[in-house]
Protein backbone atom coordinates (compact mmCIF):
# COMPACT_ATOMS: atom_id res chain seq x y z
CA UNK A 1 0.00 0.00 0.00
CA UNK A 2 1.37 3.39 -0.93
CA UNK A 3 -0.97 5.26 1.42
CA UNK A 4 0.76 8.52 2.31
CA UNK A 5 4.22 7.33 1.33
CA UNK A 6 6.84 10.05 1.13
CA UNK A 7 9.84 7.78 0.59
CA UNK A 8 10.11 4.40 -1.11
CA UNK A 9 13.05 2.03 -0.74
CA UNK A 10 13.99 -1.30 -2.23
CA UNK A 11 13.80 -3.71 0.71
CA UNK A 12 17.04 -5.67 0.38
CA UNK A 13 19.36 -2.82 -0.61
CA UNK A 14 17.58 0.22 0.86
CA UNK A 15 18.10 1.96 -2.48
CA UNK A 16 15.68 4.83 -2.89
CA UNK A 17 13.00 4.52 -5.56
CA UNK A 18 11.35 7.51 -7.20
CA UNK A 19 7.57 7.60 -7.71
CA UNK A 20 6.81 8.45 -11.35
CA UNK A 21 3.04 7.88 -11.22
CA UNK A 22 0.65 7.45 -8.30
CA UNK A 23 -2.96 6.24 -8.35
CA UNK A 24 -4.35 6.97 -4.88
CA UNK A 25 -7.78 5.57 -5.76
CA UNK A 26 -6.35 2.09 -6.43
CA UNK A 27 -3.37 2.43 -4.08
CA UNK A 28 -0.80 1.84 -6.83
CA UNK A 29 2.48 3.54 -7.65
CA UNK A 30 4.97 3.20 -10.48
CA UNK A 31 8.44 3.44 -9.01
CA UNK A 32 11.73 3.94 -10.80
CA UNK A 33 15.18 3.03 -9.58
CA UNK A 34 18.10 0.64 -9.78
CA UNK A 35 16.36 -2.74 -9.39
CA UNK A 36 17.73 -6.13 -10.35
CA UNK A 37 15.27 -8.60 -11.78
CA UNK A 38 13.22 -9.65 -14.74
CA UNK A 39 9.92 -8.22 -15.99
CA UNK A 40 6.84 -10.32 -15.39
CA UNK A 41 4.39 -11.01 -18.22
CA UNK A 42 1.05 -9.21 -17.85
CA UNK A 43 -1.85 -11.48 -18.79
CA UNK A 44 -4.08 -9.08 -20.67
CA UNK A 45 -5.71 -11.07 -23.47
CA UNK A 46 -7.44 -13.70 -21.35
CA UNK A 47 -9.78 -12.68 -18.52
CA UNK A 48 -9.57 -14.33 -15.13
CA UNK A 49 -12.19 -16.98 -14.42
CA UNK A 50 -14.03 -18.03 -11.31
CA UNK A 51 -12.25 -20.95 -9.64
CA UNK A 52 -8.94 -20.35 -11.45
CA UNK A 53 -5.88 -21.37 -9.43
CA UNK A 54 -3.56 -18.52 -8.43
CA UNK A 55 -0.38 -17.87 -6.47
CA UNK A 56 0.06 -14.75 -4.35
CA UNK A 57 3.52 -13.50 -3.50
CA UNK A 58 4.85 -10.82 -1.25
CA UNK A 59 6.72 -9.91 1.88
CA UNK A 60 4.20 -10.04 4.76
CA UNK A 61 5.26 -9.37 8.35
CA UNK A 62 8.94 -9.09 7.42
CA UNK A 63 9.93 -8.29 10.99
CA UNK A 64 8.42 -11.61 12.13
CA UNK A 65 8.62 -13.93 9.10
CA UNK A 66 11.87 -12.70 7.56
CA UNK A 67 12.74 -10.79 4.41
CA UNK A 68 12.45 -13.62 1.90
CA UNK A 69 9.61 -13.94 -0.60
CA UNK A 70 6.49 -15.76 0.58
CA UNK A 71 4.22 -17.60 -1.86
CA UNK A 72 0.73 -18.95 -1.14
CA UNK A 73 -1.86 -20.68 -3.30
CA UNK A 74 -5.58 -20.25 -3.70
CA UNK A 75 -8.15 -19.53 -6.35
CA UNK A 76 -10.24 -16.74 -7.82
CA UNK A 77 -13.31 -16.71 -5.59
CA UNK A 78 -15.06 -13.63 -6.97
CA UNK A 79 -14.84 -11.69 -10.22
CA UNK A 80 -15.41 -8.30 -8.56
CA UNK A 81 -14.16 -6.57 -5.47
CA UNK A 82 -16.09 -5.10 -2.59
CA UNK A 83 -19.39 -3.56 -3.63
CA UNK A 84 -19.06 -4.94 -7.17
CA UNK A 85 -15.86 -3.01 -8.02
CA UNK A 86 -14.84 -4.38 -11.46
CA UNK A 87 -11.26 -3.06 -11.18
CA UNK A 88 -10.66 -5.70 -8.48
CA UNK A 89 -11.31 -9.39 -7.93
CA UNK A 90 -11.49 -11.68 -4.92
CA UNK A 91 -9.01 -14.49 -4.22
CA UNK A 92 -8.38 -17.03 -1.46
CA UNK A 93 -4.57 -17.36 -1.30
CA UNK A 94 -3.62 -16.41 2.29
CA UNK A 95 -1.96 -13.00 2.71
CA UNK A 96 -0.74 -11.05 5.70
CA UNK A 97 0.04 -7.48 6.65
CA UNK A 98 2.67 -6.25 4.20
CA UNK A 99 1.40 -8.36 1.29
CA UNK A 100 -0.13 -5.37 -0.47
CA UNK A 101 1.53 -4.69 -3.80
CA UNK A 102 2.59 -8.32 -4.21
CA UNK A 103 2.07 -10.17 -7.48
CA UNK A 104 -0.91 -12.44 -8.04
CA UNK A 105 -0.10 -14.82 -10.86
CA UNK A 106 -1.78 -17.59 -12.80
CA UNK A 107 -0.46 -21.18 -12.79
CA UNK A 108 2.08 -20.31 -15.49
CA UNK A 109 3.52 -17.25 -13.76
CA UNK A 110 1.74 -14.49 -15.67
CA UNK A 111 0.59 -11.46 -13.69
CA UNK A 112 -3.18 -11.30 -13.32
CA UNK A 113 -3.26 -8.80 -10.47
CA UNK A 114 -1.68 -7.02 -7.54
CA UNK A 115 -2.67 -7.73 -3.92
CA UNK A 116 -4.57 -4.77 -2.52
CA UNK A 117 -6.56 -5.70 0.61
CA UNK A 118 -8.09 -8.32 2.85
CA UNK A 119 -11.55 -8.28 4.36
CA UNK A 120 -11.17 -6.86 7.86
CA UNK A 121 -11.70 -9.54 10.49
CA UNK A 122 -12.82 -7.05 13.14
CA UNK A 123 -15.65 -5.72 11.00
CA UNK A 124 -16.85 -9.25 10.27
CA UNK A 125 -16.78 -10.31 13.95
CA UNK A 126 -18.99 -7.33 14.79
CA UNK A 127 -21.49 -8.75 12.27
CA UNK A 128 -21.27 -12.21 13.82
CA UNK A 129 -19.19 -13.67 10.98
CA UNK A 130 -15.64 -14.88 10.53
CA UNK A 131 -13.78 -14.13 7.31
CA UNK A 132 -10.90 -16.32 6.20
CA UNK A 133 -8.86 -15.67 3.08
CA UNK A 134 -11.26 -13.13 1.62
CA UNK A 135 -8.71 -11.02 -0.22
CA UNK A 136 -8.79 -8.55 -3.08
CA UNK A 137 -6.51 -7.90 -6.02
CA UNK A 138 -6.29 -5.14 -8.61
CA UNK A 139 -6.52 -6.45 -12.18
CA UNK A 140 -3.34 -6.47 -14.28
CA UNK A 141 -5.17 -4.51 -17.00
CA UNK A 142 -5.28 -1.53 -14.60
CA UNK A 143 -1.52 -1.85 -14.04
CA UNK A 144 -1.04 -1.85 -17.82
CA UNK A 145 -3.24 1.24 -18.20
CA UNK A 146 -1.36 3.06 -15.45
CA UNK A 147 1.96 2.37 -17.17
CA UNK A 148 0.57 3.66 -20.47
CA UNK A 149 -0.99 6.76 -18.84
CA UNK A 150 2.43 7.61 -17.37
CA UNK A 151 3.82 7.67 -20.93
CA UNK A 152 5.66 4.37 -20.88
CA UNK A 153 5.35 1.40 -23.18
CA UNK A 154 5.41 -1.83 -21.17
CA UNK A 155 8.29 -4.05 -22.21
CA UNK A 156 6.82 -6.89 -24.27
CA UNK A 157 7.25 -10.03 -22.22
CA UNK A 158 5.97 -13.24 -23.75
CA UNK A 159 3.17 -14.99 -21.87
CA UNK A 160 4.43 -18.14 -20.20
CA UNK A 161 2.74 -21.49 -20.75
CA UNK A 162 5.10 -23.49 -18.53
CA UNK A 163 3.17 -24.42 -15.38
CA UNK A 164 5.95 -26.36 -13.63
CA UNK A 165 5.56 -24.97 -10.09
CA UNK A 166 9.29 -24.84 -9.35
CA UNK A 167 9.92 -22.91 -12.56
CA UNK A 168 7.02 -20.53 -11.87
CA UNK A 169 8.15 -19.78 -8.31
CA UNK A 170 11.76 -19.25 -9.43
CA UNK A 171 10.55 -16.71 -11.99
CA UNK A 172 8.58 -14.97 -9.23
CA UNK A 173 11.78 -14.71 -7.20
CA UNK A 174 13.32 -12.88 -10.17
CA UNK A 175 10.35 -10.51 -10.57
CA UNK A 176 8.91 -9.62 -7.16
CA UNK A 177 10.82 -7.27 -4.85
CA UNK A 178 10.05 -5.83 -1.45
CA UNK A 179 9.33 -2.12 -1.19
CA UNK A 180 9.55 -0.26 2.09
CA UNK A 181 7.10 2.66 2.27
CA UNK A 182 7.98 5.47 4.67
CA UNK A 183 5.20 7.84 5.70
């Protein structure tokens, strides 16, 4: 989450990253800086589908769980976000505090979204319910549009069709980095 970020740093190196575009409505930022890694393919031509298997990646609770990438599995459980928001979708892969901004990929390692939020447990308990793994992601098409609106042409990265889990996770390790947001 970019929230009211005034400084952004690459987690492992503490190198400063410069915001070049910010979308406060969707809590996204395009950051520029010296980052090692490979671009991830954006899946734009094929819509997500209900029940589709996904992997979520990120750096939740780094002070407790460590600074290495975490990967969880789940599925697409809803085609819209809260209140029918079509820019988001619902997924069940477990996430934790600090997962926001992490990649949500299909079985072949193509980006289908970015982790944005989880249904608040406290609010659900007040209603007499318990929510487990009710999470929301921002569609990759919105990421693509944000890149284009900022005047950049996304680097063409071929869509992967290799669904070997070890290969997919290794590619995620090359693509997903931790960002420290200072407010």
